[in-house]
C-alpha cells in the first residue's frame, strides 16, 4: 500500500503476519503536498502527483534473495499550471500501439 502526505513524501506500507502495517520505505522529492498515489496494474510502477504541479513515476525493484526493496524515480513530469490532484493507470486498449497501461 502507498500513502500520500502533506509533508511531500510517499510512504510504502507492508502488512505484517500479525495484521499490523509497517512503513518499509519513504519516497522523497515532491516540493509540496502529495495529493494522490496510484500503483500500476503490474505493481511495478507507482505514480505520485501533488501541489508542486508535478507527476513522479517510481519503479519498484524487488530485493534480491530477500534483500531490501527499492524505488527508483524514472521520471518527473512538469507542465501543469496548477495542482495535480488525481492520477490513474488504465489499460491502453490498443489505442497507442501495444496494450500496455497509460497514465492519465
N, C-alpha and C. Protein backbone atom coordinates (compact mmCIF):
# COMPACT_ATOMS: atom_id res chain seq x y z
N UNK A 1 0.85 -1.16 0.00
CA UNK A 1 0.00 0.00 0.00
C UNK A 1 0.90 1.23 0.00
N UNK A 2 0.41 2.30 -0.60
CA UNK A 2 1.14 3.56 -0.62
C UNK A 2 0.22 4.66 -0.12
N UNK A 3 0.80 5.63 0.58
CA UNK A 3 0.00 6.76 1.07
C UNK A 3 0.69 8.07 0.72
N UNK A 4 -0.12 9.09 0.44
CA UNK A 4 0.36 10.43 0.12
C UNK A 4 0.34 11.26 1.39
N UNK A 5 1.26 12.22 1.49
CA UNK A 5 1.35 13.01 2.71
C UNK A 5 1.48 14.50 2.44
N UNK A 6 1.00 15.26 3.39
CA UNK A 6 1.11 16.71 3.35
C UNK A 6 2.56 17.17 3.39
N UNK A 7 3.46 16.34 3.94
CA UNK A 7 4.87 16.73 4.06
C UNK A 7 5.67 16.50 2.77
N UNK A 8 5.02 16.11 1.69
CA UNK A 8 5.69 15.93 0.40
C UNK A 8 6.30 14.57 0.19
N UNK A 9 5.99 13.61 1.06
CA UNK A 9 6.54 12.26 0.91
C UNK A 9 5.44 11.27 0.53
N UNK A 10 5.89 10.13 0.03
CA UNK A 10 5.03 8.98 -0.22
C UNK A 10 5.55 7.85 0.66
N UNK A 11 4.68 7.25 1.44
CA UNK A 11 5.09 6.14 2.30
C UNK A 11 4.60 4.83 1.72
N UNK A 12 5.46 3.82 1.80
CA UNK A 12 5.13 2.47 1.34
C UNK A 12 4.91 1.60 2.57
N UNK A 13 3.80 0.88 2.58
CA UNK A 13 3.41 0.09 3.74
C UNK A 13 3.25 -1.37 3.35
N UNK A 14 3.69 -2.27 4.23
CA UNK A 14 3.50 -3.71 4.03
C UNK A 14 2.83 -4.29 5.26
N UNK A 15 1.90 -5.21 5.01
CA UNK A 15 1.20 -5.84 6.12
C UNK A 15 2.05 -6.96 6.71
N UNK A 16 2.19 -6.94 8.01
CA UNK A 16 2.95 -7.97 8.73
C UNK A 16 2.06 -9.20 8.96
N UNK A 17 2.67 -10.29 9.37
CA UNK A 17 1.93 -11.53 9.64
C UNK A 17 0.88 -11.35 10.73
N UNK A 18 1.12 -10.43 11.65
CA UNK A 18 0.18 -10.22 12.77
C UNK A 18 -0.94 -9.24 12.42
N UNK A 19 -1.03 -8.81 11.15
CA UNK A 19 -2.07 -7.90 10.71
C UNK A 19 -1.74 -6.43 10.88
N UNK A 20 -0.61 -6.12 11.48
CA UNK A 20 -0.17 -4.74 11.64
C UNK A 20 0.52 -4.29 10.34
N UNK A 21 0.60 -2.98 10.14
CA UNK A 21 1.24 -2.42 8.95
C UNK A 21 2.55 -1.76 9.33
N UNK A 22 3.58 -1.97 8.50
CA UNK A 22 4.91 -1.44 8.75
C UNK A 22 5.31 -0.55 7.57
N UNK A 23 5.80 0.66 7.87
CA UNK A 23 6.29 1.55 6.83
C UNK A 23 7.68 1.06 6.41
N UNK A 24 7.80 0.59 5.17
CA UNK A 24 9.06 0.00 4.72
C UNK A 24 9.90 0.94 3.85
N UNK A 25 9.29 2.02 3.36
CA UNK A 25 10.05 2.97 2.55
C UNK A 25 9.33 4.31 2.56
N UNK A 26 10.11 5.37 2.38
CA UNK A 26 9.54 6.71 2.25
C UNK A 26 10.21 7.36 1.04
N UNK A 27 9.39 7.74 0.07
CA UNK A 27 9.89 8.32 -1.17
C UNK A 27 9.82 9.84 -1.06
N UNK A 28 10.92 10.49 -1.36
CA UNK A 28 11.02 11.94 -1.24
C UNK A 28 11.35 12.56 -2.59
N UNK A 29 10.89 13.78 -2.78
CA UNK A 29 11.21 14.50 -3.99
C UNK A 29 10.23 15.61 -4.29
N UNK A 30 8.96 15.40 -3.97
CA UNK A 30 7.97 16.46 -4.19
C UNK A 30 8.33 17.67 -3.32
N UNK A 31 8.09 18.85 -3.85
CA UNK A 31 8.41 20.08 -3.13
C UNK A 31 7.27 20.55 -2.23
N UNK A 32 6.13 19.87 -2.30
CA UNK A 32 4.96 20.28 -1.54
C UNK A 32 4.06 19.06 -1.34
N UNK A 33 2.88 19.27 -0.83
CA UNK A 33 1.91 18.23 -0.52
C UNK A 33 1.70 17.25 -1.69
N UNK A 34 1.73 15.96 -1.39
CA UNK A 34 1.40 14.93 -2.37
C UNK A 34 -0.10 14.69 -2.29
N UNK A 35 -0.79 14.83 -3.41
CA UNK A 35 -2.25 14.74 -3.45
C UNK A 35 -2.76 13.33 -3.71
N UNK A 36 -2.01 12.55 -4.51
CA UNK A 36 -2.51 11.24 -4.91
C UNK A 36 -1.35 10.31 -5.27
N UNK A 37 -1.53 9.03 -4.99
CA UNK A 37 -0.59 7.99 -5.43
C UNK A 37 -1.40 6.85 -6.03
N UNK A 38 -0.81 6.17 -7.00
CA UNK A 38 -1.51 5.05 -7.64
C UNK A 38 -0.48 4.04 -8.13
N UNK A 39 -0.79 2.76 -7.92
CA UNK A 39 0.04 1.66 -8.42
C UNK A 39 -0.42 1.28 -9.81
N UNK A 40 0.51 0.89 -10.66
CA UNK A 40 0.15 0.30 -11.95
C UNK A 40 -0.44 -1.09 -11.69
N UNK A 41 -1.13 -1.62 -12.67
CA UNK A 41 -1.75 -2.94 -12.52
C UNK A 41 -0.72 -4.04 -12.29
N UNK A 42 0.47 -3.87 -12.83
CA UNK A 42 1.53 -4.87 -12.65
C UNK A 42 2.16 -4.78 -11.27
N UNK A 43 1.98 -3.64 -10.59
CA UNK A 43 2.59 -3.43 -9.29
C UNK A 43 4.06 -3.04 -9.36
N UNK A 44 4.56 -2.78 -10.55
CA UNK A 44 5.98 -2.44 -10.71
C UNK A 44 6.21 -0.94 -10.84
N UNK A 45 5.15 -0.17 -11.07
CA UNK A 45 5.27 1.28 -11.16
C UNK A 45 4.33 1.93 -10.15
N UNK A 46 4.77 3.04 -9.60
CA UNK A 46 3.97 3.85 -8.69
C UNK A 46 4.07 5.28 -9.19
N UNK A 47 2.94 5.96 -9.30
CA UNK A 47 2.95 7.36 -9.71
C UNK A 47 2.42 8.20 -8.57
N UNK A 48 2.97 9.39 -8.42
CA UNK A 48 2.51 10.33 -7.40
C UNK A 48 2.38 11.71 -8.03
N UNK A 49 1.45 12.49 -7.51
CA UNK A 49 1.26 13.85 -8.01
C UNK A 49 0.95 14.78 -6.86
N UNK A 50 1.10 16.09 -7.10
CA UNK A 50 0.88 16.96 -5.96
C UNK A 50 0.73 18.42 -6.26
N UNK A 51 0.76 19.13 -5.17
CA UNK A 51 0.57 20.58 -5.16
C UNK A 51 1.73 21.29 -5.88
N UNK A 52 2.87 20.63 -6.04
CA UNK A 52 4.01 21.25 -6.72
C UNK A 52 3.89 21.19 -8.25
N UNK A 53 2.71 20.79 -8.75
CA UNK A 53 2.39 20.78 -10.18
C UNK A 53 3.16 19.72 -10.96
N UNK A 54 3.61 18.67 -10.27
CA UNK A 54 4.41 17.64 -10.93
C UNK A 54 3.80 16.25 -10.74
N UNK A 55 4.22 15.35 -11.61
CA UNK A 55 3.90 13.92 -11.51
C UNK A 55 5.22 13.17 -11.49
N UNK A 56 5.37 12.31 -10.50
CA UNK A 56 6.58 11.50 -10.38
C UNK A 56 6.22 10.05 -10.69
N UNK A 57 7.09 9.37 -11.43
CA UNK A 57 6.90 7.95 -11.73
C UNK A 57 8.06 7.19 -11.11
N UNK A 58 7.71 6.24 -10.25
CA UNK A 58 8.68 5.45 -9.50
C UNK A 58 8.61 4.00 -9.96
N UNK A 59 9.77 3.35 -10.04
CA UNK A 59 9.83 1.93 -10.38
C UNK A 59 10.15 1.14 -9.12
N UNK A 60 9.35 0.11 -8.87
CA UNK A 60 9.57 -0.77 -7.73
C UNK A 60 10.51 -1.89 -8.16
N UNK A 61 11.56 -2.10 -7.39
CA UNK A 61 12.51 -3.16 -7.69
C UNK A 61 12.62 -4.06 -6.46
N UNK A 62 12.26 -5.33 -6.65
CA UNK A 62 12.33 -6.28 -5.54
C UNK A 62 13.77 -6.53 -5.15
N UNK A 63 13.98 -6.69 -3.85
CA UNK A 63 15.32 -7.01 -3.38
C UNK A 63 15.69 -8.43 -3.76
N UNK A 64 16.92 -8.64 -4.11
CA UNK A 64 17.39 -9.97 -4.48
C UNK A 64 17.62 -10.81 -3.23
N UNK A 65 17.19 -12.04 -3.27
CA UNK A 65 17.40 -13.00 -2.17
C UNK A 65 16.96 -12.45 -0.82
N UNK A 66 15.76 -11.86 -0.81
CA UNK A 66 15.23 -11.35 0.45
C UNK A 66 15.81 -10.02 0.89
N UNK A 67 16.56 -9.37 0.01
CA UNK A 67 17.13 -8.07 0.36
C UNK A 67 16.08 -6.98 0.36
N UNK A 68 16.50 -5.76 0.64
CA UNK A 68 15.57 -4.64 0.70
C UNK A 68 15.01 -4.30 -0.67
N UNK A 69 13.73 -3.93 -0.67
CA UNK A 69 13.11 -3.45 -1.89
C UNK A 69 13.51 -1.99 -2.09
N UNK A 70 13.55 -1.57 -3.35
CA UNK A 70 13.96 -0.20 -3.66
C UNK A 70 12.99 0.43 -4.63
N UNK A 71 12.95 1.74 -4.62
CA UNK A 71 12.17 2.51 -5.57
C UNK A 71 13.09 3.50 -6.24
N UNK A 72 13.10 3.51 -7.57
CA UNK A 72 13.89 4.47 -8.33
C UNK A 72 12.94 5.40 -9.07
N UNK A 73 13.26 6.68 -9.08
CA UNK A 73 12.46 7.64 -9.82
C UNK A 73 12.83 7.52 -11.31
N UNK A 74 11.85 7.18 -12.13
CA UNK A 74 12.07 7.06 -13.57
C UNK A 74 11.90 8.39 -14.29
N UNK A 75 10.96 9.21 -13.79
CA UNK A 75 10.68 10.48 -14.48
C UNK A 75 9.95 11.43 -13.54
N UNK A 76 10.17 12.71 -13.78
CA UNK A 76 9.41 13.77 -13.13
C UNK A 76 8.80 14.59 -14.25
N UNK A 77 7.48 14.64 -14.29
CA UNK A 77 6.77 15.33 -15.36
C UNK A 77 6.29 16.69 -14.87
N UNK A 78 6.67 17.73 -15.61
CA UNK A 78 6.26 19.10 -15.31
C UNK A 78 5.46 19.62 -16.49
N UNK A 79 4.64 20.61 -16.27
CA UNK A 79 3.89 21.21 -17.37
C UNK A 79 2.52 21.70 -16.95
N UNK A 80 2.03 21.25 -15.81
CA UNK A 80 0.75 21.74 -15.32
C UNK A 80 0.93 23.14 -14.74
N UNK A 81 -0.11 23.95 -14.85
CA UNK A 81 -0.04 25.31 -14.30
C UNK A 81 -0.68 25.39 -12.91
N UNK A 82 -1.21 24.29 -12.44
CA UNK A 82 -1.81 24.24 -11.11
C UNK A 82 -1.56 22.89 -10.47
N UNK A 83 -2.14 22.70 -9.29
CA UNK A 83 -2.01 21.43 -8.57
C UNK A 83 -2.44 20.26 -9.45
N UNK A 84 -1.76 19.13 -9.30
CA UNK A 84 -2.20 17.88 -9.93
C UNK A 84 -2.84 17.07 -8.82
N UNK A 85 -4.13 16.82 -8.92
CA UNK A 85 -4.87 16.26 -7.80
C UNK A 85 -5.18 14.78 -7.92
N UNK A 86 -5.16 14.24 -9.13
CA UNK A 86 -5.55 12.83 -9.28
C UNK A 86 -4.86 12.24 -10.51
N UNK A 87 -4.44 11.00 -10.38
CA UNK A 87 -3.83 10.26 -11.48
C UNK A 87 -4.36 8.84 -11.44
N UNK A 88 -4.29 8.14 -12.58
CA UNK A 88 -4.75 6.76 -12.64
C UNK A 88 -4.03 6.03 -13.77
N UNK A 89 -3.66 4.79 -13.53
CA UNK A 89 -3.17 3.92 -14.59
C UNK A 89 -4.38 3.21 -15.18
N UNK A 90 -4.44 3.09 -16.49
CA UNK A 90 -5.54 2.39 -17.14
C UNK A 90 -5.03 1.64 -18.35
N UNK A 91 -5.78 0.65 -18.79
CA UNK A 91 -5.38 -0.12 -19.96
C UNK A 91 -5.43 0.76 -21.21
N UNK A 92 -4.48 0.57 -22.09
CA UNK A 92 -4.36 1.30 -23.34
C UNK A 92 -5.45 0.89 -24.33
N UNK A 93 -5.87 -0.37 -24.28
CA UNK A 93 -6.87 -0.92 -25.21
C UNK A 93 -6.48 -0.72 -26.67
N UNK A 94 -5.20 -0.86 -26.95
CA UNK A 94 -4.64 -0.82 -28.31
C UNK A 94 -4.79 0.54 -28.98
N UNK A 95 -5.04 1.60 -28.23
CA UNK A 95 -5.19 2.93 -28.82
C UNK A 95 -3.85 3.53 -29.26
N UNK A 96 -2.77 3.19 -28.54
CA UNK A 96 -1.45 3.75 -28.84
C UNK A 96 -0.43 2.64 -28.96
N UNK A 97 -0.61 1.75 -29.90
CA UNK A 97 0.34 0.66 -30.10
C UNK A 97 -0.02 -0.55 -29.28
N UNK A 98 0.93 -1.03 -28.48
CA UNK A 98 0.69 -2.25 -27.70
C UNK A 98 -0.37 -2.01 -26.62
N UNK A 99 -0.76 -3.06 -25.94
CA UNK A 99 -1.86 -2.99 -24.98
C UNK A 99 -1.38 -2.75 -23.56
N UNK A 100 -0.31 -1.96 -23.39
CA UNK A 100 0.18 -1.63 -22.07
C UNK A 100 -0.74 -0.59 -21.41
N UNK A 101 -0.37 -0.23 -20.19
CA UNK A 101 -1.13 0.78 -19.46
C UNK A 101 -0.65 2.18 -19.84
N UNK A 102 -1.53 3.14 -19.63
CA UNK A 102 -1.17 4.53 -19.78
C UNK A 102 -1.50 5.24 -18.45
N UNK A 103 -0.84 6.33 -18.21
CA UNK A 103 -1.08 7.13 -17.01
C UNK A 103 -1.88 8.36 -17.40
N UNK A 104 -3.02 8.53 -16.76
CA UNK A 104 -3.88 9.68 -17.04
C UNK A 104 -3.93 10.57 -15.82
